[in-house]
N, C-alpha and C. Protein backbone atom coordinates (compact mmCIF):
# COMPACT_ATOMS: atom_id res chain seq x y z
N MET A 1 -54.32 27.31 76.30
CA MET A 1 -54.66 27.13 74.90
C MET A 1 -53.43 26.72 74.10
N GLU A 2 -52.28 27.28 74.45
CA GLU A 2 -51.06 26.94 73.70
C GLU A 2 -50.71 25.47 73.84
N SER A 3 -50.96 24.89 75.01
CA SER A 3 -50.66 23.46 75.19
C SER A 3 -51.58 22.60 74.34
N VAL A 4 -52.81 23.05 74.16
CA VAL A 4 -53.75 22.32 73.29
C VAL A 4 -53.28 22.40 71.84
N LEU A 5 -52.87 23.56 71.40
CA LEU A 5 -52.41 23.73 70.03
C LEU A 5 -51.12 22.97 69.76
N ASP A 6 -50.29 22.78 70.79
CA ASP A 6 -49.06 22.01 70.62
C ASP A 6 -49.33 20.56 70.24
N VAL A 7 -50.48 20.03 70.65
CA VAL A 7 -50.84 18.64 70.33
C VAL A 7 -50.89 18.44 68.82
N TYR A 8 -51.33 19.43 68.09
CA TYR A 8 -51.46 19.32 66.63
C TYR A 8 -50.10 19.30 65.92
N GLU A 9 -49.05 19.67 66.61
CA GLU A 9 -47.71 19.65 66.01
C GLU A 9 -47.01 18.30 66.20
N ASN A 10 -47.59 17.42 67.02
CA ASN A 10 -47.01 16.10 67.24
C ASN A 10 -47.10 15.27 65.96
N HIS A 11 -46.21 14.29 65.85
CA HIS A 11 -46.28 13.34 64.74
C HIS A 11 -47.38 12.33 65.03
N TYR A 12 -47.97 11.79 63.97
CA TYR A 12 -49.05 10.83 64.14
C TYR A 12 -48.53 9.56 64.80
N ASP A 13 -49.24 9.10 65.85
CA ASP A 13 -48.92 7.85 66.54
C ASP A 13 -50.23 7.10 66.73
N LYS A 14 -50.39 5.94 66.07
CA LYS A 14 -51.66 5.22 66.12
C LYS A 14 -52.00 4.73 67.53
N ARG A 15 -51.02 4.68 68.44
CA ARG A 15 -51.30 4.28 69.82
C ARG A 15 -52.01 5.39 70.59
N PHE A 16 -51.80 6.64 70.18
CA PHE A 16 -52.39 7.78 70.86
C PHE A 16 -53.03 8.72 69.83
N PRO A 17 -54.18 8.33 69.26
CA PRO A 17 -54.79 9.18 68.24
C PRO A 17 -55.35 10.47 68.85
N VAL A 18 -55.27 11.55 68.10
CA VAL A 18 -55.85 12.83 68.49
C VAL A 18 -57.19 12.93 67.78
N ILE A 19 -58.27 12.96 68.57
CA ILE A 19 -59.61 13.00 67.99
C ILE A 19 -60.33 14.23 68.52
N CYS A 20 -60.89 15.01 67.61
CA CYS A 20 -61.65 16.22 67.96
C CYS A 20 -63.11 15.97 67.62
N MET A 21 -64.00 16.40 68.50
CA MET A 21 -65.44 16.21 68.25
C MET A 21 -66.16 17.53 68.43
N ASP A 22 -67.23 17.71 67.65
CA ASP A 22 -68.04 18.92 67.75
C ASP A 22 -69.44 18.59 67.29
N GLU A 23 -70.41 19.33 67.80
CA GLU A 23 -71.78 19.20 67.33
C GLU A 23 -72.39 20.59 67.23
N SER A 24 -73.34 20.72 66.31
CA SER A 24 -73.95 22.02 66.09
C SER A 24 -75.41 21.84 65.67
N PRO A 25 -76.36 22.38 66.44
CA PRO A 25 -77.76 22.33 66.01
C PRO A 25 -78.06 23.48 65.05
N LYS A 26 -78.80 23.21 64.02
CA LYS A 26 -79.19 24.24 63.05
C LYS A 26 -80.70 24.20 62.84
N GLN A 27 -81.34 25.36 62.91
CA GLN A 27 -82.77 25.45 62.66
C GLN A 27 -83.00 25.45 61.15
N LEU A 28 -83.91 24.60 60.69
CA LEU A 28 -84.25 24.55 59.27
C LEU A 28 -85.47 25.42 59.04
N ILE A 29 -85.34 26.38 58.14
CA ILE A 29 -86.46 27.28 57.86
C ILE A 29 -86.73 27.33 56.36
N LYS A 30 -87.94 27.68 56.01
CA LYS A 30 -88.27 27.88 54.60
C LYS A 30 -89.02 29.20 54.46
N GLN A 31 -88.82 29.85 53.34
CA GLN A 31 -89.50 31.12 53.09
C GLN A 31 -90.97 30.84 52.76
N THR A 32 -91.84 31.72 53.24
CA THR A 32 -93.27 31.55 53.00
C THR A 32 -93.83 32.60 52.07
N ARG A 33 -93.03 33.57 51.73
CA ARG A 33 -93.49 34.68 50.87
C ARG A 33 -92.72 34.70 49.56
N ILE A 34 -93.37 35.17 48.51
CA ILE A 34 -92.72 35.35 47.22
C ILE A 34 -92.01 36.70 47.24
N ARG A 35 -90.79 36.72 46.73
CA ARG A 35 -90.00 37.94 46.72
C ARG A 35 -90.71 39.03 45.90
N ILE A 36 -90.65 40.26 46.39
CA ILE A 36 -91.27 41.41 45.73
C ILE A 36 -90.34 41.88 44.60
N ALA A 37 -90.90 42.04 43.42
CA ALA A 37 -90.09 42.46 42.27
C ALA A 37 -89.53 43.86 42.51
N ARG A 38 -88.27 44.06 42.12
CA ARG A 38 -87.61 45.34 42.29
C ARG A 38 -88.01 46.28 41.17
N LYS A 39 -88.29 47.53 41.53
CA LYS A 39 -88.64 48.55 40.54
C LYS A 39 -87.42 49.42 40.28
N THR A 40 -87.31 49.93 39.08
CA THR A 40 -86.19 50.77 38.70
C THR A 40 -86.09 51.97 39.63
N GLY A 41 -84.89 52.20 40.16
CA GLY A 41 -84.65 53.35 41.03
C GLY A 41 -85.07 53.12 42.47
N LYS A 42 -85.55 51.95 42.81
CA LYS A 42 -85.99 51.65 44.18
C LYS A 42 -85.11 50.56 44.78
N ASP A 43 -85.02 50.55 46.09
CA ASP A 43 -84.29 49.49 46.78
C ASP A 43 -85.07 48.19 46.70
N ALA A 44 -84.35 47.06 46.76
CA ALA A 44 -85.01 45.75 46.78
C ALA A 44 -85.77 45.59 48.09
N ARG A 45 -86.88 44.89 48.03
CA ARG A 45 -87.70 44.67 49.22
C ARG A 45 -87.91 43.18 49.40
N GLU A 46 -87.91 42.79 50.68
CA GLU A 46 -88.07 41.38 50.97
C GLU A 46 -88.82 41.23 52.29
N ASP A 47 -89.74 40.30 52.34
CA ASP A 47 -90.48 40.00 53.55
C ASP A 47 -89.73 38.89 54.27
N TYR A 48 -89.48 39.05 55.56
CA TYR A 48 -88.65 38.09 56.28
C TYR A 48 -89.45 37.04 57.03
N GLU A 49 -90.71 36.84 56.68
CA GLU A 49 -91.49 35.80 57.33
C GLU A 49 -90.99 34.43 56.88
N TYR A 50 -90.92 33.50 57.80
CA TYR A 50 -90.48 32.14 57.46
C TYR A 50 -91.25 31.14 58.32
N ALA A 51 -91.20 29.89 57.91
CA ALA A 51 -91.83 28.82 58.66
C ALA A 51 -90.75 27.87 59.16
N ARG A 52 -90.92 27.41 60.41
CA ARG A 52 -89.97 26.44 60.97
C ARG A 52 -90.16 25.11 60.25
N ASN A 53 -89.07 24.48 59.97
CA ASN A 53 -89.13 23.22 59.22
C ASN A 53 -88.29 22.15 59.91
N GLY A 54 -88.21 22.22 61.25
CA GLY A 54 -87.45 21.23 62.00
C GLY A 54 -86.07 21.71 62.39
N VAL A 55 -85.29 20.77 62.89
CA VAL A 55 -83.93 21.06 63.35
C VAL A 55 -83.00 19.97 62.82
N ALA A 56 -81.80 20.34 62.48
CA ALA A 56 -80.77 19.38 62.08
C ALA A 56 -79.62 19.49 63.07
N ASN A 57 -79.11 18.34 63.48
CA ASN A 57 -77.93 18.30 64.34
C ASN A 57 -76.77 17.76 63.53
N ILE A 58 -75.69 18.50 63.52
CA ILE A 58 -74.50 18.11 62.77
C ILE A 58 -73.45 17.64 63.77
N PHE A 59 -73.03 16.40 63.64
CA PHE A 59 -71.99 15.82 64.50
C PHE A 59 -70.75 15.60 63.65
N MET A 60 -69.61 16.04 64.16
CA MET A 60 -68.37 15.86 63.42
C MET A 60 -67.27 15.39 64.36
N ALA A 61 -66.53 14.39 63.89
CA ALA A 61 -65.33 13.93 64.58
C ALA A 61 -64.23 13.91 63.55
N ASN A 62 -63.08 14.42 63.91
CA ASN A 62 -61.97 14.37 62.96
C ASN A 62 -60.68 13.98 63.68
N GLU A 63 -59.81 13.41 62.90
CA GLU A 63 -58.50 13.01 63.38
C GLU A 63 -57.50 13.82 62.55
N PRO A 64 -57.16 15.05 63.01
CA PRO A 64 -56.39 15.98 62.18
C PRO A 64 -55.00 15.49 61.79
N LEU A 65 -54.35 14.72 62.65
CA LEU A 65 -52.99 14.26 62.32
C LEU A 65 -53.00 13.17 61.26
N LYS A 66 -54.13 12.50 61.08
CA LYS A 66 -54.24 11.46 60.07
C LYS A 66 -54.96 11.99 58.83
N GLY A 67 -55.65 13.13 58.96
CA GLY A 67 -56.36 13.72 57.82
C GLY A 67 -57.69 13.07 57.55
N LYS A 68 -58.37 12.57 58.59
CA LYS A 68 -59.68 11.93 58.40
C LYS A 68 -60.75 12.74 59.10
N ARG A 69 -61.95 12.70 58.50
CA ARG A 69 -63.09 13.44 59.06
C ARG A 69 -64.34 12.58 58.91
N PHE A 70 -65.17 12.56 59.93
CA PHE A 70 -66.42 11.82 59.92
C PHE A 70 -67.54 12.78 60.27
N VAL A 71 -68.60 12.80 59.44
CA VAL A 71 -69.72 13.72 59.66
C VAL A 71 -71.02 12.93 59.62
N LYS A 72 -71.91 13.23 60.57
CA LYS A 72 -73.24 12.62 60.60
C LYS A 72 -74.24 13.74 60.82
N ILE A 73 -75.28 13.75 60.01
CA ILE A 73 -76.33 14.78 60.14
C ILE A 73 -77.65 14.08 60.41
N LYS A 74 -78.29 14.47 61.50
CA LYS A 74 -79.59 13.93 61.85
C LYS A 74 -80.59 15.09 61.85
N SER A 75 -81.73 14.87 61.23
CA SER A 75 -82.74 15.93 61.21
C SER A 75 -84.04 15.43 61.82
N SER A 76 -84.75 16.35 62.44
CA SER A 76 -86.07 16.03 62.99
C SER A 76 -87.03 17.09 62.49
N ASN A 77 -87.93 16.70 61.63
CA ASN A 77 -88.90 17.66 61.08
C ASN A 77 -90.06 17.80 62.03
N THR A 78 -90.56 19.03 62.16
CA THR A 78 -91.70 19.27 63.04
C THR A 78 -92.96 19.42 62.23
């Protein structure tokens, strides 16, 4: 791991760019219930039912030594 972190300490060289990539899927959900009003002296109550609303994939590439970041989000609704 230390050798990987050492790469970030190098000076920027356009012949050898350092590019990092990552992707992350996220489930899109929406609430289906109306929040229950809180009564004085009682704890708040909430129903945790939700409906699936598709998936979004987040793709990111960055070039940390140059200070650039590229993000693309693709969603697929079900």
